[in-house]
């Protein structure tokens, strides 16, 4: 009841403020058909809704929710999750809910519920591919049950920009949640039970490329099901500190007319605990961009506790107009459980509305 009252109070506050302030609303709907190129098919849908109220020039209250529907849980036995929008069936999960303050071009701070995908592991290259791993390294997403789609955690985030450099830091509860009841909600902060998680990244960006280096630290260990490992005798959470580090870069190697260019990309990550669910990850790829088209090829390797997985993806994204895009993708995946192929077709629709009262 306390959680519902808190959410209702914030919603009422937002509604009352919109009469005199700027209100923004937008969203994105992704629908994806999947086929294992044999007999199994799946239909996956994701709706994300975003709203914001700006009570003054540099401050805003932000809200975002996820809603997902799919016909099957999965169609292949891959470990990295070949589709970055697969998440089961979720009526409504909080992606973002909190206060954001901006010093334009200098710094940002955020306090509230948030997930890592809002701020980290985002670039023009990684955003093209539909496999989950280019979005967030499995050395982190598979090894820790933290604020990664479709779950979020109570977070304090800030970034600072100086010339071409940006420093980001996110400090959050050590375990993320997606429910709406007292025992399962993302407003929890319980370091003694869930531990704490911190991610720091330094990036360098210029006209022809972007480079990133970062480290994430957690003082808990998780099993393959996302449960915190406990002492056999006392039942208390094991206080084991581990970290995952990463480096990533993408570089334009050729520019032509009409925004025609070719970009190469590479990323690598390790987890310091070899007994982590995923201890190593690497990817190389290339992207050709021409007007409203992007064609990408990437190869990936991930070392899991249960074995090694290799995968490759070929994809083409076509922007039809300002609101619609169409993207087919083919993936080949090999791990200790078998060989798999997937063919997907994704349609994305996005919209934005802004009103001033």
Protein backbone atom coordinates (compact mmCIF):
# COMPACT_ATOMS: atom_id res chain seq x y z
CA UNK A 1 0.00 0.00 0.00
CA UNK A 2 2.85 2.39 0.78
CA UNK A 3 4.34 1.83 -2.69
CA UNK A 4 1.02 2.47 -4.42
CA UNK A 5 0.50 5.60 -2.36
CA UNK A 6 3.97 6.88 -3.28
CA UNK A 7 3.45 6.29 -7.01
CA UNK A 8 -0.02 7.85 -6.85
CA UNK A 9 1.33 10.91 -5.06
CA UNK A 10 4.04 11.42 -7.65
CA UNK A 11 1.54 10.98 -10.49
CA UNK A 12 -0.79 13.53 -8.94
CA UNK A 13 2.11 15.93 -8.49
CA UNK A 14 3.08 15.56 -12.13
CA UNK A 15 -0.51 16.07 -13.27
CA UNK A 16 -0.91 19.24 -11.23
CA UNK A 17 2.38 20.69 -12.45
CA UNK A 18 1.57 20.25 -16.13
CA UNK A 19 -0.94 23.08 -15.98
CA UNK A 20 1.84 25.62 -15.66
CA UNK A 21 4.95 23.87 -16.96
CA UNK A 22 6.34 22.04 -19.99
CA UNK A 23 5.14 18.48 -20.38
CA UNK A 24 6.72 15.95 -22.75
CA UNK A 25 5.38 12.56 -23.71
CA UNK A 26 6.73 9.99 -26.14
CA UNK A 27 7.27 6.36 -26.73
CA UNK A 28 8.53 3.56 -28.90
CA UNK A 29 6.83 0.37 -30.01
CA UNK A 30 8.93 -2.57 -31.25
CA UNK A 31 7.34 -5.63 -32.80
CA UNK A 32 9.56 -8.52 -33.88
CA UNK A 33 8.88 -11.79 -35.70
CA UNK A 34 11.40 -14.56 -34.93
CA UNK A 35 12.11 -17.86 -36.72
CA UNK A 36 14.71 -20.53 -35.92
CA UNK A 37 14.75 -21.45 -39.63
CA UNK A 38 13.19 -24.79 -38.74
CA UNK A 39 9.74 -25.10 -37.15
CA UNK A 40 9.71 -22.66 -34.24
CA UNK A 41 8.50 -19.08 -34.47
CA UNK A 42 7.90 -16.36 -31.92
CA UNK A 43 6.31 -12.91 -31.87
CA UNK A 44 7.80 -10.41 -29.40
CA UNK A 45 6.47 -6.91 -28.63
CA UNK A 46 7.87 -4.07 -26.52
CA UNK A 47 6.18 -0.77 -25.74
CA UNK A 48 8.14 1.91 -23.91
CA UNK A 49 6.39 5.07 -22.72
CA UNK A 50 8.27 8.19 -21.57
CA UNK A 51 6.92 11.28 -19.85
CA UNK A 52 8.56 14.31 -18.31
CA UNK A 53 7.58 17.43 -16.45
CA UNK A 54 9.92 20.42 -16.42
CA UNK A 55 9.01 22.63 -13.43
CA UNK A 56 11.94 24.93 -14.19
CA UNK A 57 14.52 25.37 -16.92
CA UNK A 58 17.09 22.76 -15.91
CA UNK A 59 15.07 20.40 -13.71
CA UNK A 60 12.63 17.65 -14.67
CA UNK A 61 10.71 14.75 -13.21
CA UNK A 62 11.07 11.75 -15.54
CA UNK A 63 8.91 8.65 -15.85
CA UNK A 64 9.35 5.70 -18.23
CA UNK A 65 7.70 2.27 -18.28
CA UNK A 66 8.15 -0.99 -20.19
CA UNK A 67 5.32 -3.22 -21.41
CA UNK A 68 6.10 -6.53 -23.14
CA UNK A 69 4.13 -9.36 -24.74
CA UNK A 70 5.46 -12.47 -26.50
CA UNK A 71 3.94 -15.73 -27.71
CA UNK A 72 6.78 -18.02 -26.52
CA UNK A 73 9.55 -17.78 -23.93
CA UNK A 74 12.32 -18.50 -26.47
CA UNK A 75 12.89 -20.48 -29.66
CA UNK A 76 16.61 -21.35 -29.41
CA UNK A 77 19.05 -22.37 -26.67
CA UNK A 78 21.45 -19.42 -26.84
CA UNK A 79 22.97 -17.96 -23.68
CA UNK A 80 23.49 -14.31 -24.61
CA UNK A 81 19.84 -13.68 -25.60
CA UNK A 82 19.80 -13.15 -29.36
CA UNK A 83 16.99 -10.56 -29.11
CA UNK A 84 17.49 -7.48 -26.96
CA UNK A 85 13.73 -6.94 -26.51
CA UNK A 86 12.81 -10.42 -25.23
CA UNK A 87 11.72 -10.13 -21.60
CA UNK A 88 8.70 -12.39 -21.05
CA UNK A 89 5.25 -10.92 -20.49
CA UNK A 90 5.27 -7.73 -18.40
CA UNK A 91 2.19 -5.61 -17.82
CA UNK A 92 4.17 -2.59 -16.65
CA UNK A 93 7.70 -2.25 -15.26
CA UNK A 94 9.37 0.97 -14.19
CA UNK A 95 12.34 1.88 -16.35
CA UNK A 96 12.84 5.40 -14.96
CA UNK A 97 11.16 7.35 -12.17
CA UNK A 98 12.95 10.24 -10.50
CA UNK A 99 14.39 13.73 -10.62
CA UNK A 100 16.89 14.87 -13.26
CA UNK A 101 18.83 18.12 -13.14
CA UNK A 102 20.99 19.36 -15.99
CA UNK A 103 23.73 21.95 -16.34
CA UNK A 104 23.62 22.10 -20.12
CA UNK A 105 26.80 20.87 -21.74
CA UNK A 106 28.51 20.44 -18.38
CA UNK A 107 26.85 17.92 -16.05
CA UNK A 108 23.73 15.89 -15.18
CA UNK A 109 22.49 14.31 -11.98
CA UNK A 110 19.61 11.90 -11.41
CA UNK A 111 18.10 10.45 -8.24
CA UNK A 112 15.42 7.77 -8.34
CA UNK A 113 14.67 4.48 -10.09
CA UNK A 114 16.82 3.89 -13.16
CA UNK A 115 18.45 1.16 -15.26
CA UNK A 116 21.94 1.05 -16.73
CA UNK A 117 20.75 1.08 -20.34
CA UNK A 118 19.74 4.73 -20.01
CA UNK A 119 23.35 5.89 -19.68
CA UNK A 120 25.89 3.13 -20.36
CA UNK A 121 26.80 0.89 -23.29
CA UNK A 122 25.16 3.26 -25.77
CA UNK A 123 26.70 4.28 -29.09
CA UNK A 124 25.73 4.51 -32.75
CA UNK A 125 27.38 1.17 -33.46
CA UNK A 126 26.04 -0.92 -30.59
CA UNK A 127 22.50 0.43 -31.02
CA UNK A 128 22.26 -1.11 -34.50
CA UNK A 129 22.63 -4.76 -33.50
CA UNK A 130 19.69 -6.76 -32.14
CA UNK A 131 21.67 -9.24 -30.01
CA UNK A 132 21.65 -8.31 -26.32
CA UNK A 133 25.41 -8.38 -25.74
CA UNK A 134 26.40 -5.29 -27.78
CA UNK A 135 24.02 -3.32 -25.55
CA UNK A 136 25.42 -4.44 -22.19
CA UNK A 137 28.30 -6.84 -21.73
CA UNK A 138 27.28 -10.30 -20.39
CA UNK A 139 30.20 -10.11 -17.94
CA UNK A 140 27.89 -7.67 -16.13
CA UNK A 141 24.34 -8.54 -17.19
CA UNK A 142 24.73 -12.30 -16.72
CA UNK A 143 26.88 -12.12 -13.59
CA UNK A 144 24.87 -9.61 -11.53
CA UNK A 145 21.14 -9.14 -11.03
CA UNK A 146 21.36 -5.35 -11.36
CA UNK A 147 19.32 -2.62 -13.09
CA UNK A 148 19.36 -4.00 -16.61
CA UNK A 149 16.28 -4.26 -18.87
CA UNK A 150 13.60 -5.19 -17.88
CA UNK A 151 14.40 -4.47 -14.21
CA UNK A 152 15.58 -1.28 -12.47
CA UNK A 153 17.04 -0.20 -9.15
CA UNK A 154 17.17 2.82 -6.87
CA UNK A 155 20.08 4.83 -8.27
CA UNK A 156 22.13 7.99 -7.91
CA UNK A 157 23.66 8.88 -11.28
CA UNK A 158 25.84 11.76 -12.45
CA UNK A 159 27.97 12.67 -15.44
CA UNK A 160 30.43 15.46 -16.15
CA UNK A 161 31.58 16.60 -19.60
CA UNK A 162 34.80 18.46 -20.37
CA UNK A 163 35.59 19.16 -24.00
CA UNK A 164 35.50 15.73 -25.74
CA UNK A 165 35.54 13.71 -22.51
CA UNK A 166 32.57 12.52 -20.43
CA UNK A 167 32.80 10.84 -17.02
CA UNK A 168 29.74 8.84 -15.89
CA UNK A 169 29.02 7.19 -12.55
CA UNK A 170 26.04 5.18 -11.32
CA UNK A 171 25.62 4.00 -7.71
CA UNK A 172 22.64 1.76 -7.02
CA UNK A 173 21.09 -0.94 -4.89
CA UNK A 174 22.86 -4.22 -5.52
CA UNK A 175 19.78 -5.99 -6.82
CA UNK A 176 17.08 -4.81 -9.21
CA UNK A 177 13.33 -5.43 -9.22
CA UNK A 178 10.38 -4.97 -11.58
CA UNK A 179 7.27 -5.66 -9.47
CA UNK A 180 4.70 -3.46 -7.79
CA UNK A 181 4.30 -5.13 -4.39
CA UNK A 182 6.07 -4.66 -1.07
CA UNK A 183 8.56 -7.50 -1.60
CA UNK A 184 9.29 -6.84 -5.26
CA UNK A 185 9.65 -3.20 -6.25
CA UNK A 186 12.56 -1.07 -7.53
CA UNK A 187 12.30 1.49 -4.69
CA UNK A 188 14.21 -0.81 -2.33
CA UNK A 189 17.62 0.12 -0.90
CA UNK A 190 18.98 -2.67 1.29
CA UNK A 191 22.81 -2.90 1.14
CA UNK A 192 23.02 -5.50 3.92
CA UNK A 193 20.89 -7.95 1.91
CA UNK A 194 21.33 -6.93 -1.74
CA UNK A 195 24.75 -5.31 -1.58
CA UNK A 196 25.64 -2.25 -3.66
CA UNK A 197 26.66 -1.80 -7.29
CA UNK A 198 28.73 0.98 -8.83
CA UNK A 199 29.60 1.59 -12.49
CA UNK A 200 32.07 4.21 -13.75
CA UNK A 201 32.89 5.01 -17.37
CA UNK A 202 35.11 7.52 -19.16
CA UNK A 203 34.42 8.20 -22.83
CA UNK A 204 36.07 10.24 -25.56
CA UNK A 205 34.00 11.39 -28.53
CA UNK A 206 34.87 13.28 -31.68
CA UNK A 207 33.52 13.58 -35.24
CA UNK A 208 35.02 10.34 -36.52
CA UNK A 209 34.76 8.05 -33.51
CA UNK A 210 33.98 7.22 -29.88
CA UNK A 211 36.02 5.37 -27.26
CA UNK A 212 34.91 4.06 -23.86
CA UNK A 213 36.57 2.47 -20.82
CA UNK A 214 34.82 1.53 -17.62
CA UNK A 215 34.62 -0.62 -14.52
CA UNK A 216 31.72 -1.97 -12.45
CA UNK A 217 32.07 -3.16 -8.84
CA UNK A 218 29.67 -5.35 -6.84
CA UNK A 219 30.03 -6.72 -3.30
CA UNK A 220 27.76 -9.73 -3.88
CA UNK A 221 27.97 -12.82 -6.10
CA UNK A 222 25.00 -14.28 -8.01
CA UNK A 223 24.18 -17.72 -9.40
CA UNK A 224 22.83 -18.50 -12.89
CA UNK A 225 19.26 -17.82 -11.70
CA UNK A 226 20.15 -14.34 -10.43
CA UNK A 227 20.00 -15.35 -6.75
CA UNK A 228 22.61 -14.05 -4.30
CA UNK A 229 25.07 -16.72 -3.16
CA UNK A 230 24.86 -17.41 0.59
CA UNK A 231 27.02 -18.99 3.26
CA UNK A 232 26.04 -22.65 3.69
CA UNK A 233 26.21 -22.45 7.49
CA UNK A 234 24.69 -19.06 8.33
CA UNK A 235 22.54 -18.42 5.28
CA UNK A 236 23.85 -14.85 5.09
CA UNK A 237 24.82 -13.31 1.74
CA UNK A 238 28.46 -13.88 0.84
CA UNK A 239 30.38 -10.63 0.96
CA UNK A 240 32.50 -11.25 -2.17
CA UNK A 241 33.66 -8.18 -4.06
CA UNK A 242 34.20 -8.53 -7.79
CA UNK A 243 34.46 -6.17 -10.71
CA UNK A 244 33.95 -6.22 -14.44
CA UNK A 245 35.91 -3.89 -16.72
CA UNK A 246 35.45 -3.03 -20.37
CA UNK A 247 36.96 -1.14 -23.26
CA UNK A 248 35.12 -0.29 -26.44
CA UNK A 249 35.72 1.80 -29.51
CA UNK A 250 34.17 2.62 -32.86
CA UNK A 251 35.99 4.49 -35.58
CA UNK A 252 34.91 5.83 -38.96
CA UNK A 253 37.51 4.75 -41.51
CA UNK A 254 35.89 6.29 -44.58
CA UNK A 255 33.47 9.15 -45.28
CA UNK A 256 31.74 9.81 -48.61
CA UNK A 257 29.00 12.00 -49.96
CA UNK A 258 25.40 11.94 -48.67
CA UNK A 259 26.47 10.78 -45.18
CA UNK A 260 27.98 7.63 -46.67
CA UNK A 261 30.55 6.11 -44.27
CA UNK A 262 32.08 2.88 -43.02
CA UNK A 263 32.71 2.28 -39.32
CA UNK A 264 34.67 -0.43 -37.53
CA UNK A 265 34.00 -1.37 -33.91
CA UNK A 266 35.56 -3.56 -31.22
CA UNK A 267 34.80 -4.23 -27.56
CA UNK A 268 36.25 -6.40 -24.80
CA UNK A 269 35.26 -7.08 -21.20
CA UNK A 270 36.33 -9.33 -18.31
CA UNK A 271 34.99 -10.16 -14.86
CA UNK A 272 37.67 -10.57 -12.18
CA UNK A 273 35.88 -13.58 -10.65
CA UNK A 274 36.44 -16.57 -12.91
CA UNK A 275 33.52 -18.34 -11.22
CA UNK A 276 31.15 -15.61 -12.41
CA UNK A 277 28.34 -16.67 -14.75
CA UNK A 278 30.19 -14.91 -17.60
CA UNK A 279 33.87 -14.06 -17.17
CA UNK A 280 34.90 -12.83 -20.64
CA UNK A 281 33.34 -11.20 -23.69
CA UNK A 282 34.66 -9.85 -27.00
CA UNK A 283 33.16 -8.50 -30.21
CA UNK A 284 34.36 -7.07 -33.52
CA UNK A 285 32.23 -5.66 -36.31
CA UNK A 286 31.70 -3.23 -39.11
CA UNK A 287 28.85 -0.91 -40.16
CA UNK A 288 28.14 0.71 -43.52
CA UNK A 289 25.87 3.76 -43.36
CA UNK A 290 24.24 5.26 -46.44
CA UNK A 291 21.48 7.87 -46.12
CA UNK A 292 18.62 6.08 -44.31
CA UNK A 293 20.28 2.65 -44.35
CA UNK A 294 22.65 0.87 -42.01
CA UNK A 295 24.13 -2.57 -42.72
CA UNK A 296 26.12 -4.27 -39.96
CA UNK A 297 28.17 -7.43 -39.42
CA UNK A 298 29.49 -8.47 -36.01
CA UNK A 299 31.11 -11.52 -34.41
CA UNK A 300 30.90 -12.23 -30.68
CA UNK A 301 32.53 -14.52 -28.13
CA UNK A 302 31.42 -15.06 -24.52
CA UNK A 303 33.01 -17.35 -21.92
CA UNK A 304 30.40 -18.69 -19.50
CA UNK A 305 30.81 -20.95 -16.49
CA UNK A 306 29.09 -23.70 -18.50
CA UNK A 307 31.17 -23.23 -21.65
CA UNK A 308 31.94 -20.94 -24.56
CA UNK A 309 29.49 -19.33 -26.95
CA UNK A 310 30.26 -17.94 -30.40
CA UNK A 311 27.80 -15.93 -32.46
CA UNK A 312 27.61 -13.66 -35.47
CA UNK A 313 24.94 -11.25 -36.68
CA UNK A 314 24.17 -9.71 -40.06
CA UNK A 315 21.54 -6.97 -39.98
CA UNK A 316 20.09 -4.17 -42.08
CA UNK A 317 18.15 -1.22 -40.69
CA UNK A 318 16.07 0.96 -43.00
CA UNK A 319 14.51 4.20 -41.73
CA UNK A 320 11.27 4.53 -43.65
CA UNK A 321 10.46 7.99 -42.25
CA UNK A 322 10.82 9.97 -39.02
CA UNK A 323 8.59 7.50 -37.16
CA UNK A 324 9.03 4.04 -38.73
CA UNK A 325 12.00 1.77 -39.33
CA UNK A 326 12.32 -1.82 -40.55
CA UNK A 327 15.14 -4.19 -39.58
CA UNK A 328 15.72 -7.82 -40.59
CA UNK A 329 18.59 -9.75 -38.96
CA UNK A 330 20.24 -13.16 -39.26
CA UNK A 331 22.25 -14.75 -36.44
CA UNK A 332 24.29 -17.93 -36.13
CA UNK A 333 25.03 -19.16 -32.60
CA UNK A 334 27.20 -22.03 -31.37
CA UNK A 335 27.63 -23.17 -27.76
CA UNK A 336 28.04 -26.42 -25.83
CA UNK A 337 24.31 -27.07 -26.11
CA UNK A 338 24.23 -26.95 -29.91
CA UNK A 339 24.14 -24.87 -33.09
CA UNK A 340 21.34 -22.39 -33.73
CA UNK A 341 20.20 -20.01 -36.44
CA UNK A 342 17.66 -17.21 -36.13
CA UNK A 343 15.99 -14.96 -38.65
CA UNK A 344 14.13 -11.93 -37.29
CA UNK A 345 12.22 -8.99 -38.71
CA UNK A 346 11.61 -5.94 -36.52
CA UNK A 347 9.42 -2.90 -37.09
CA UNK A 348 9.89 0.14 -34.83
CA UNK A 349 7.48 3.05 -34.41
CA UNK A 350 8.36 6.08 -32.27
CA UNK A 351 6.56 9.29 -31.41
CA UNK A 352 7.06 12.42 -29.28
CA UNK A 353 4.70 15.13 -28.05
CA UNK A 354 5.57 18.37 -26.24
CA UNK A 355 3.15 20.84 -24.73
CA UNK A 356 3.62 24.06 -22.82
CA UNK A 357 1.02 25.28 -20.35
